[in-house]
C-alpha atoms as a PDB file:
ATOM      1  CA  UNK A   1     -55.479  73.305  40.894  1.00  0.00           C
ATOM      2  CA  UNK A   2     -58.948  71.481  40.221  1.00  0.00           C
ATOM      3  CA  UNK A   3     -57.991  71.477  36.536  1.00  0.00           C
ATOM      4  CA  UNK A   4     -54.365  70.120  36.987  1.00  0.00           C
ATOM      5  CA  UNK A   5     -55.778  67.320  39.121  1.00  0.00           C
ATOM      6  CA  UNK A   6     -58.442  66.311  36.413  1.00  0.00           C
ATOM      7  CA  UNK A   7     -55.979  66.222  33.723  1.00  0.00           C
ATOM      8  CA  UNK A   8     -53.498  63.861  35.749  1.00  0.00           C
ATOM      9  CA  UNK A   9     -56.946  61.405  36.054  1.00  0.00           C
ATOM     10  CA  UNK A  10     -57.705  61.732  32.269  1.00  0.00           C
ATOM     11  CA  UNK A  11     -54.433  60.685  31.316  1.00  0.00           C
ATOM     12  CA  UNK A  12     -54.054  57.962  33.908  1.00  0.00           C
ATOM     13  CA  UNK A  13     -57.281  56.364  32.683  1.00  0.00           C
ATOM     14  CA  UNK A  14     -56.182  56.605  28.846  1.00  0.00           C
ATOM     15  CA  UNK A  15     -53.007  54.763  30.089  1.00  0.00           C
ATOM     16  CA  UNK A  16     -55.012  52.156  31.804  1.00  0.00           C
ATOM     17  CA  UNK A  17     -56.893  51.687  28.487  1.00  0.00           C
ATOM     18  CA  UNK A  18     -54.358  51.081  26.279  1.00  0.00           C
ATOM     19  CA  UNK A  19     -51.636  48.944  27.603  1.00  0.00           C
ATOM     20  CA  UNK A  20     -47.800  49.291  25.846  1.00  0.00           C
ATOM     21  CA  UNK A  21     -47.514  46.731  22.775  1.00  0.00           C
ATOM     22  CA  UNK A  22     -45.657  43.591  23.778  1.00  0.00           C
ATOM     23  CA  UNK A  23     -42.136  43.127  22.280  1.00  0.00           C
ATOM     24  CA  UNK A  24     -41.720  41.550  18.924  1.00  0.00           C
ATOM     25  CA  UNK A  25     -40.623  37.781  19.612  1.00  0.00           C
ATOM     26  CA  UNK A  26     -36.638  37.477  18.853  1.00  0.00           C
ATOM     27  CA  UNK A  27     -36.107  34.554  16.267  1.00  0.00           C
ATOM     28  CA  UNK A  28     -32.185  33.543  16.245  1.00  0.00           C
ATOM     29  CA  UNK A  29     -31.385  33.120  12.532  1.00  0.00           C
ATOM     30  CA  UNK A  30     -28.428  30.642  11.351  1.00  0.00           C
ATOM     31  CA  UNK A  31     -25.427  32.926  10.533  1.00  0.00           C
ATOM     32  CA  UNK A  32     -24.991  33.739   6.704  1.00  0.00           C
ATOM     33  CA  UNK A  33     -21.963  31.302   5.463  1.00  0.00           C
ATOM     34  CA  UNK A  34     -18.847  33.189   4.664  1.00  0.00           C
ATOM     35  CA  UNK A  35     -15.650  31.620   2.757  1.00  0.00           C
ATOM     36  CA  UNK A  36     -13.556  30.278   5.372  1.00  0.00           C
ATOM     37  CA  UNK A  37     -11.196  32.739   6.662  1.00  0.00           C
ATOM     38  CA  UNK A  38     -13.326  35.585   6.183  1.00  0.00           C
ATOM     39  CA  UNK A  39     -14.920  37.864   8.490  1.00  0.00           C
ATOM     40  CA  UNK A  40     -18.305  38.410   9.208  1.00  0.00           C
ATOM     41  CA  UNK A  41     -20.141  41.525  10.156  1.00  0.00           C
ATOM     42  CA  UNK A  42     -18.722  42.582  13.634  1.00  0.00           C
ATOM     43  CA  UNK A  43     -15.092  41.540  12.851  1.00  0.00           C
ATOM     44  CA  UNK A  44     -15.575  37.966  13.840  1.00  0.00           C
ATOM     45  CA  UNK A  45     -13.631  35.210  12.259  1.00  0.00           C
ATOM     46  CA  UNK A  46     -15.969  32.697  10.691  1.00  0.00           C
ATOM     47  CA  UNK A  47     -14.871  28.775  10.984  1.00  0.00           C
ATOM     48  CA  UNK A  48     -16.876  26.460   8.804  1.00  0.00           C
ATOM     49  CA  UNK A  49     -18.414  23.516  11.085  1.00  0.00           C
ATOM     50  CA  UNK A  50     -17.871  19.904  10.015  1.00  0.00           C
ATOM     51  CA  UNK A  51     -19.144  16.572  11.487  1.00  0.00           C
ATOM     52  CA  UNK A  52     -16.876  14.847  13.685  1.00  0.00           C
ATOM     53  CA  UNK A  53     -16.223  12.780  16.700  1.00  0.00           C
ATOM     54  CA  UNK A  54     -15.209  14.197  19.798  1.00  0.00           C
ATOM     55  CA  UNK A  55     -11.458  14.392  18.771  1.00  0.00           C
ATOM     56  CA  UNK A  56     -12.655  17.283  16.365  1.00  0.00           C
ATOM     57  CA  UNK A  57     -11.545  14.911  13.405  1.00  0.00           C
ATOM     58  CA  UNK A  58     -13.865  15.400  10.438  1.00  0.00           C
ATOM     59  CA  UNK A  59     -13.954  11.295  10.382  1.00  0.00           C
ATOM     60  CA  UNK A  60     -12.174   8.808  12.424  1.00  0.00           C
ATOM     61  CA  UNK A  61      -8.809   8.328  11.043  1.00  0.00           C
ATOM     62  CA  UNK A  62      -7.572   4.918   9.408  1.00  0.00           C
ATOM     63  CA  UNK A  63      -5.679   2.756  11.408  1.00  0.00           C
ATOM     64  CA  UNK A  64      -3.082   2.641   9.443  1.00  0.00           C
ATOM     65  CA  UNK A  65      -2.167   2.323   5.762  1.00  0.00           C
ATOM     66  CA  UNK A  66      -3.098  -0.660   3.894  1.00  0.00           C
ATOM     67  CA  UNK A  67      -0.276  -2.109   1.889  1.00  0.00           C
ATOM     68  CA  UNK A  68      -0.872  -4.066  -1.224  1.00  0.00           C
ATOM     69  CA  UNK A  69      -0.946  -7.838  -1.125  1.00  0.00           C
ATOM     70  CA  UNK A  70      -0.441  -8.544  -4.560  1.00  0.00           C
ATOM     71  CA  UNK A  71       1.363  -7.142  -7.438  1.00  0.00           C
ATOM     72  CA  UNK A  72      -0.817  -6.836 -10.507  1.00  0.00           C
ATOM     73  CA  UNK A  73       0.220  -5.986 -14.029  1.00  0.00           C
ATOM     74  CA  UNK A  74      -1.642  -5.569 -17.382  1.00  0.00           C
ATOM     75  CA  UNK A  75       1.442  -6.243 -19.794  1.00  0.00           C
ATOM     76  CA  UNK A  76       1.344  -9.944 -19.208  1.00  0.00           C
ATOM     77  CA  UNK A  77       5.073  -9.967 -19.290  1.00  0.00           C
ATOM     78  CA  UNK A  78       7.328 -10.963 -16.282  1.00  0.00           C
ATOM     79  CA  UNK A  79      11.039 -12.236 -16.056  1.00  0.00           C
ATOM     80  CA  UNK A  80      12.781 -15.602 -14.663  1.00  0.00           C
ATOM     81  CA  UNK A  81      16.092 -15.956 -14.417  1.00  0.00           C
ATOM     82  CA  UNK A  82      18.622 -18.673 -15.604  1.00  0.00           C
ATOM     83  CA  UNK A  83      22.247 -19.195 -15.578  1.00  0.00           C
ATOM     84  CA  UNK A  84      24.610 -18.711 -18.464  1.00  0.00           C
ATOM     85  CA  UNK A  85      27.554 -21.183 -17.530  1.00  0.00           C
ATOM     86  CA  UNK A  86      30.893 -19.712 -17.454  1.00  0.00           C
ATOM     87  CA  UNK A  87      29.631 -16.571 -18.949  1.00  0.00           C
ATOM     88  CA  UNK A  88      31.956 -14.236 -16.842  1.00  0.00           C
ATOM     89  CA  UNK A  89      29.131 -11.861 -16.517  1.00  0.00           C
ATOM     90  CA  UNK A  90      28.827 -11.298 -20.450  1.00  0.00           C
ATOM     91  CA  UNK A  91      25.233 -11.610 -20.711  1.00  0.00           C
ATOM     92  CA  UNK A  92      24.035 -10.831 -17.287  1.00  0.00           C
ATOM     93  CA  UNK A  93      24.946 -10.459 -13.440  1.00  0.00           C
ATOM     94  CA  UNK A  94      28.254 -12.077 -12.912  1.00  0.00           C
ATOM     95  CA  UNK A  95      28.003 -14.461 -10.249  1.00  0.00           C
ATOM     96  CA  UNK A  96      30.072 -17.266  -8.567  1.00  0.00           C
ATOM     97  CA  UNK A  97      31.918 -20.009 -10.645  1.00  0.00           C
ATOM     98  CA  UNK A  98      32.308 -17.194 -13.610  1.00  0.00           C
ATOM     99  CA  UNK A  99      28.603 -17.438 -14.598  1.00  0.00           C
ATOM    100  CA  UNK A 100      25.991 -15.113 -15.312  1.00  0.00           C
ATOM    101  CA  UNK A 101      22.385 -14.752 -13.886  1.00  0.00           C
ATOM    102  CA  UNK A 102      20.295 -13.808 -17.085  1.00  0.00           C
ATOM    103  CA  UNK A 103      16.653 -12.871 -17.578  1.00  0.00           C
ATOM    104  CA  UNK A 104      14.116 -14.529 -19.785  1.00  0.00           C
ATOM    105  CA  UNK A 105      10.892 -13.387 -20.563  1.00  0.00           C
ATOM    106  CA  UNK A 106       7.521 -15.335 -19.979  1.00  0.00           C
ATOM    107  CA  UNK A 107       3.996 -14.543 -20.676  1.00  0.00           C
ATOM    108  CA  UNK A 108       1.641 -14.205 -17.704  1.00  0.00           C
ATOM    109  CA  UNK A 109      -2.016 -13.612 -17.737  1.00  0.00           C
ATOM    110  CA  UNK A 110      -2.608  -9.977 -17.292  1.00  0.00           C
ATOM    111  CA  UNK A 111      -4.268  -8.981 -13.836  1.00  0.00           C
ATOM    112  CA  UNK A 112      -2.657 -12.016 -11.781  1.00  0.00           C
ATOM    113  CA  UNK A 113       0.220 -11.743  -9.002  1.00  0.00           C
ATOM    114  CA  UNK A 114       3.194 -11.273 -11.813  1.00  0.00           C
ATOM    115  CA  UNK A 115       5.812 -12.397  -8.573  1.00  0.00           C
ATOM    116  CA  UNK A 116       3.825 -15.587  -7.962  1.00  0.00           C
ATOM    117  CA  UNK A 117       3.473 -16.582 -11.322  1.00  0.00           C
ATOM    118  CA  UNK A 118       7.079 -16.000 -12.328  1.00  0.00           C
ATOM    119  CA  UNK A 119       8.061 -17.798  -8.981  1.00  0.00           C
ATOM    120  CA  UNK A 120       5.714 -20.833  -9.866  1.00  0.00           C
ATOM    121  CA  UNK A 121       6.757 -20.934 -13.372  1.00  0.00           C
ATOM    122  CA  UNK A 122      10.639 -20.981 -12.496  1.00  0.00           C
ATOM    123  CA  UNK A 123       9.953 -23.894  -9.914  1.00  0.00           C
ATOM    124  CA  UNK A 124       8.072 -25.733 -12.510  1.00  0.00           C
ATOM    125  CA  UNK A 125      10.731 -26.324 -14.572  1.00  0.00           C
ATOM    126  CA  UNK A 126      12.373 -29.721 -14.764  1.00  0.00           C
ATOM    127  CA  UNK A 127      14.732 -29.993 -17.192  1.00  0.00           C
ATOM    128  CA  UNK A 128      18.379 -28.953 -16.566  1.00  0.00           C
ATOM    129  CA  UNK A 129      18.562 -26.489 -19.673  1.00  0.00           C
ATOM    130  CA  UNK A 130      15.678 -24.046 -20.970  1.00  0.00           C
ATOM    131  CA  UNK A 131      14.725 -25.395 -24.265  1.00  0.00           C
ATOM    132  CA  UNK A 132      17.518 -24.843 -26.837  1.00  0.00           C
ATOM    133  CA  UNK A 133      18.643 -21.469 -25.138  1.00  0.00           C
ATOM    134  CA  UNK A 134      21.538 -23.379 -23.397  1.00  0.00           C
ATOM    135  CA  UNK A 135      20.654 -21.567 -20.354  1.00  0.00           C
ATOM    136  CA  UNK A 136      20.990 -23.553 -17.268  1.00  0.00           C
ATOM    137  CA  UNK A 137      18.653 -24.097 -14.595  1.00  0.00           C
ATOM    138  CA  UNK A 138      20.137 -24.867 -10.981  1.00  0.00           C
ATOM    139  CA  UNK A 139      16.316 -25.508  -9.460  1.00  0.00           C
ATOM    140  CA  UNK A 140      15.454 -28.693 -11.912  1.00  0.00           C
ATOM    141  CA  UNK A 141      15.868 -30.940  -9.040  1.00  0.00           C
ATOM    142  CA  UNK A 142      14.074 -29.432  -6.677  1.00  0.00           C
ATOM    143  CA  UNK A 143      10.554 -29.477  -5.616  1.00  0.00           C
ATOM    144  CA  UNK A 144       9.507 -26.523  -4.102  1.00  0.00           C
ATOM    145  CA  UNK A 145       6.167 -24.532  -3.852  1.00  0.00           C
ATOM    146  CA  UNK A 146       5.056 -21.174  -2.831  1.00  0.00           C
ATOM    147  CA  UNK A 147       3.742 -20.852   0.429  1.00  0.00           C
ATOM    148  CA  UNK A 148       3.695 -17.162   1.245  1.00  0.00           C
ATOM    149  CA  UNK A 149       4.275 -13.624  -0.215  1.00  0.00           C
ATOM    150  CA  UNK A 150       4.411 -10.809   2.238  1.00  0.00           C
ATOM    151  CA  UNK A 151       4.611  -7.271   0.783  1.00  0.00           C
ATOM    152  CA  UNK A 152       5.760  -4.755   3.654  1.00  0.00           C
ATOM    153  CA  UNK A 153       6.605  -0.940   3.203  1.00  0.00           C
ATOM    154  CA  UNK A 154      10.450  -1.796   3.292  1.00  0.00           C
ATOM    155  CA  UNK A 155      10.344  -5.701   2.651  1.00  0.00           C
ATOM    156  CA  UNK A 156       9.233  -8.174  -0.141  1.00  0.00           C
ATOM    157  CA  UNK A 157       9.230 -11.577   1.716  1.00  0.00           C
ATOM    158  CA  UNK A 158       8.702 -15.107  -0.254  1.00  0.00           C
ATOM    159  CA  UNK A 159       8.404 -18.483   1.811  1.00  0.00           C
ATOM    160  CA  UNK A 160       8.937 -21.303   0.021  1.00  0.00           C
ATOM    161  CA  UNK A 161       8.403 -25.030   1.102  1.00  0.00           C
ATOM    162  CA  UNK A 162       9.554 -28.375  -0.040  1.00  0.00           C
ATOM    163  CA  UNK A 163      12.737 -30.293  -0.904  1.00  0.00           C
ATOM    164  CA  UNK A 164      15.976 -29.131  -2.628  1.00  0.00           C
ATOM    165  CA  UNK A 165      18.607 -30.992  -4.248  1.00  0.00           C
ATOM    166  CA  UNK A 166      21.638 -29.312  -5.984  1.00  0.00           C
ATOM    167  CA  UNK A 167      24.076 -30.450  -8.357  1.00  0.00           C
ATOM    168  CA  UNK A 168      27.285 -29.514  -7.238  1.00  0.00           C
ATOM    169  CA  UNK A 169      29.041 -26.811  -5.170  1.00  0.00           C
ATOM    170  CA  UNK A 170      28.677 -23.918  -7.680  1.00  0.00           C
ATOM    171  CA  UNK A 171      24.888 -24.908  -8.146  1.00  0.00           C
ATOM    172  CA  UNK A 172      24.341 -22.883  -4.482  1.00  0.00           C
ATOM    173  CA  UNK A 173      25.116 -19.495  -5.892  1.00  0.00           C
ATOM    174  CA  UNK A 174      23.433 -20.085  -9.248  1.00  0.00           C
ATOM    175  CA  UNK A 175      20.024 -21.357  -7.334  1.00  0.00           C
ATOM    176  CA  UNK A 176      20.332 -18.254  -4.982  1.00  0.00           C
ATOM    177  CA  UNK A 177      20.661 -15.992  -8.008  1.00  0.00           C
ATOM    178  CA  UNK A 178      17.816 -17.479  -9.869  1.00  0.00           C
ATOM    179  CA  UNK A 179      15.399 -17.034  -6.914  1.00  0.00           C
ATOM    180  CA  UNK A 180      16.737 -13.835  -5.503  1.00  0.00           C
ATOM    181  CA  UNK A 181      16.893 -12.010  -9.151  1.00  0.00           C
ATOM    182  CA  UNK A 182      13.223 -13.469  -9.891  1.00  0.00           C
ATOM    183  CA  UNK A 183      11.746 -11.727  -6.605  1.00  0.00           C
ATOM    184  CA  UNK A 184      14.074  -8.861  -6.960  1.00  0.00           C
ATOM    185  CA  UNK A 185      12.290  -7.570 -10.411  1.00  0.00           C
ATOM    186  CA  UNK A 186       9.151  -6.726  -8.224  1.00  0.00           C
ATOM    187  CA  UNK A 187      10.882  -5.263  -5.197  1.00  0.00           C
ATOM    188  CA  UNK A 188      10.484  -1.874  -6.115  1.00  0.00           C
ATOM    189  CA  UNK A 189      13.405  -0.955  -3.492  1.00  0.00           C
ATOM    190  CA  UNK A 190      12.369  -3.042  -0.744  1.00  0.00           C
ATOM    191  CA  UNK A 191      14.755  -5.440   0.754  1.00  0.00           C
ATOM    192  CA  UNK A 192      14.006  -9.199  -0.683  1.00  0.00           C
ATOM    193  CA  UNK A 193      13.948 -11.897   1.878  1.00  0.00           C
ATOM    194  CA  UNK A 194      13.245 -15.366   0.769  1.00  0.00           C
ATOM    195  CA  UNK A 195      13.068 -18.242   3.317  1.00  0.00           C
ATOM    196  CA  UNK A 196      13.023 -22.052   2.567  1.00  0.00           C
ATOM    197  CA  UNK A 197      11.298 -24.232   5.149  1.00  0.00           C
ATOM    198  CA  UNK A 198      11.303 -21.409   7.813  1.00  0.00           C
ATOM    199  CA  UNK A 199      15.093 -20.765   7.126  1.00  0.00           C
ATOM    200  CA  UNK A 200      16.768 -17.760   5.432  1.00  0.00           C
ATOM    201  CA  UNK A 201      17.836 -18.687   1.891  1.00  0.00           C
ATOM    202  CA  UNK A 202      21.379 -18.376   2.876  1.00  0.00           C
ATOM    203  CA  UNK A 203      21.282 -20.437   6.048  1.00  0.00           C
ATOM    204  CA  UNK A 204      19.239 -23.327   4.161  1.00  0.00           C
ATOM    205  CA  UNK A 205      21.963 -23.582   1.259  1.00  0.00           C
ATOM    206  CA  UNK A 206      24.796 -23.506   3.664  1.00  0.00           C
ATOM    207  CA  UNK A 207      23.567 -26.934   5.105  1.00  0.00           C
ATOM    208  CA  UNK A 208      23.225 -28.450   1.450  1.00  0.00           C
END
């Protein structure tokens, strides 16, 4: 019995002199990247993290789609529209008084707003006939300037200011057709809206 007691005492002394080793420090390692949608070891789905705001978006969304404010071109060519008198639609689109509205190509500087350039060219013509073509210009007595051009998703709006002088009843549809067709070539499916002195084209002409 004495031997057993001595043996237990000896083991206790040895245990006191040799404490158990401390556990190794635990280091948290970032997970290995996996392709999005794959599973990591353990069956968990890997979802890549992206920087973002509180809503979870990667970046704040744009406030809205910015529509173009000009129509740049590189060809250097645009059209103005003039009138073939009593042409009955043979040379172009048939309008009132059996006239035709006819396109005429003009050169403009590449890279400029072609709509503004075309309108300013048309409004700047001060002869009743365009060169030797015989085409009539119903705007020649008027004094108009381009005030604003607005391009919306569904509308192309042109605001003109100034004075209008017409040569007779048939000049109203000619005047309207020349302006409308000149603008419409750039509409790309948008509705064309023309105003003169804050009135719609039709309302303004009805008072002439």
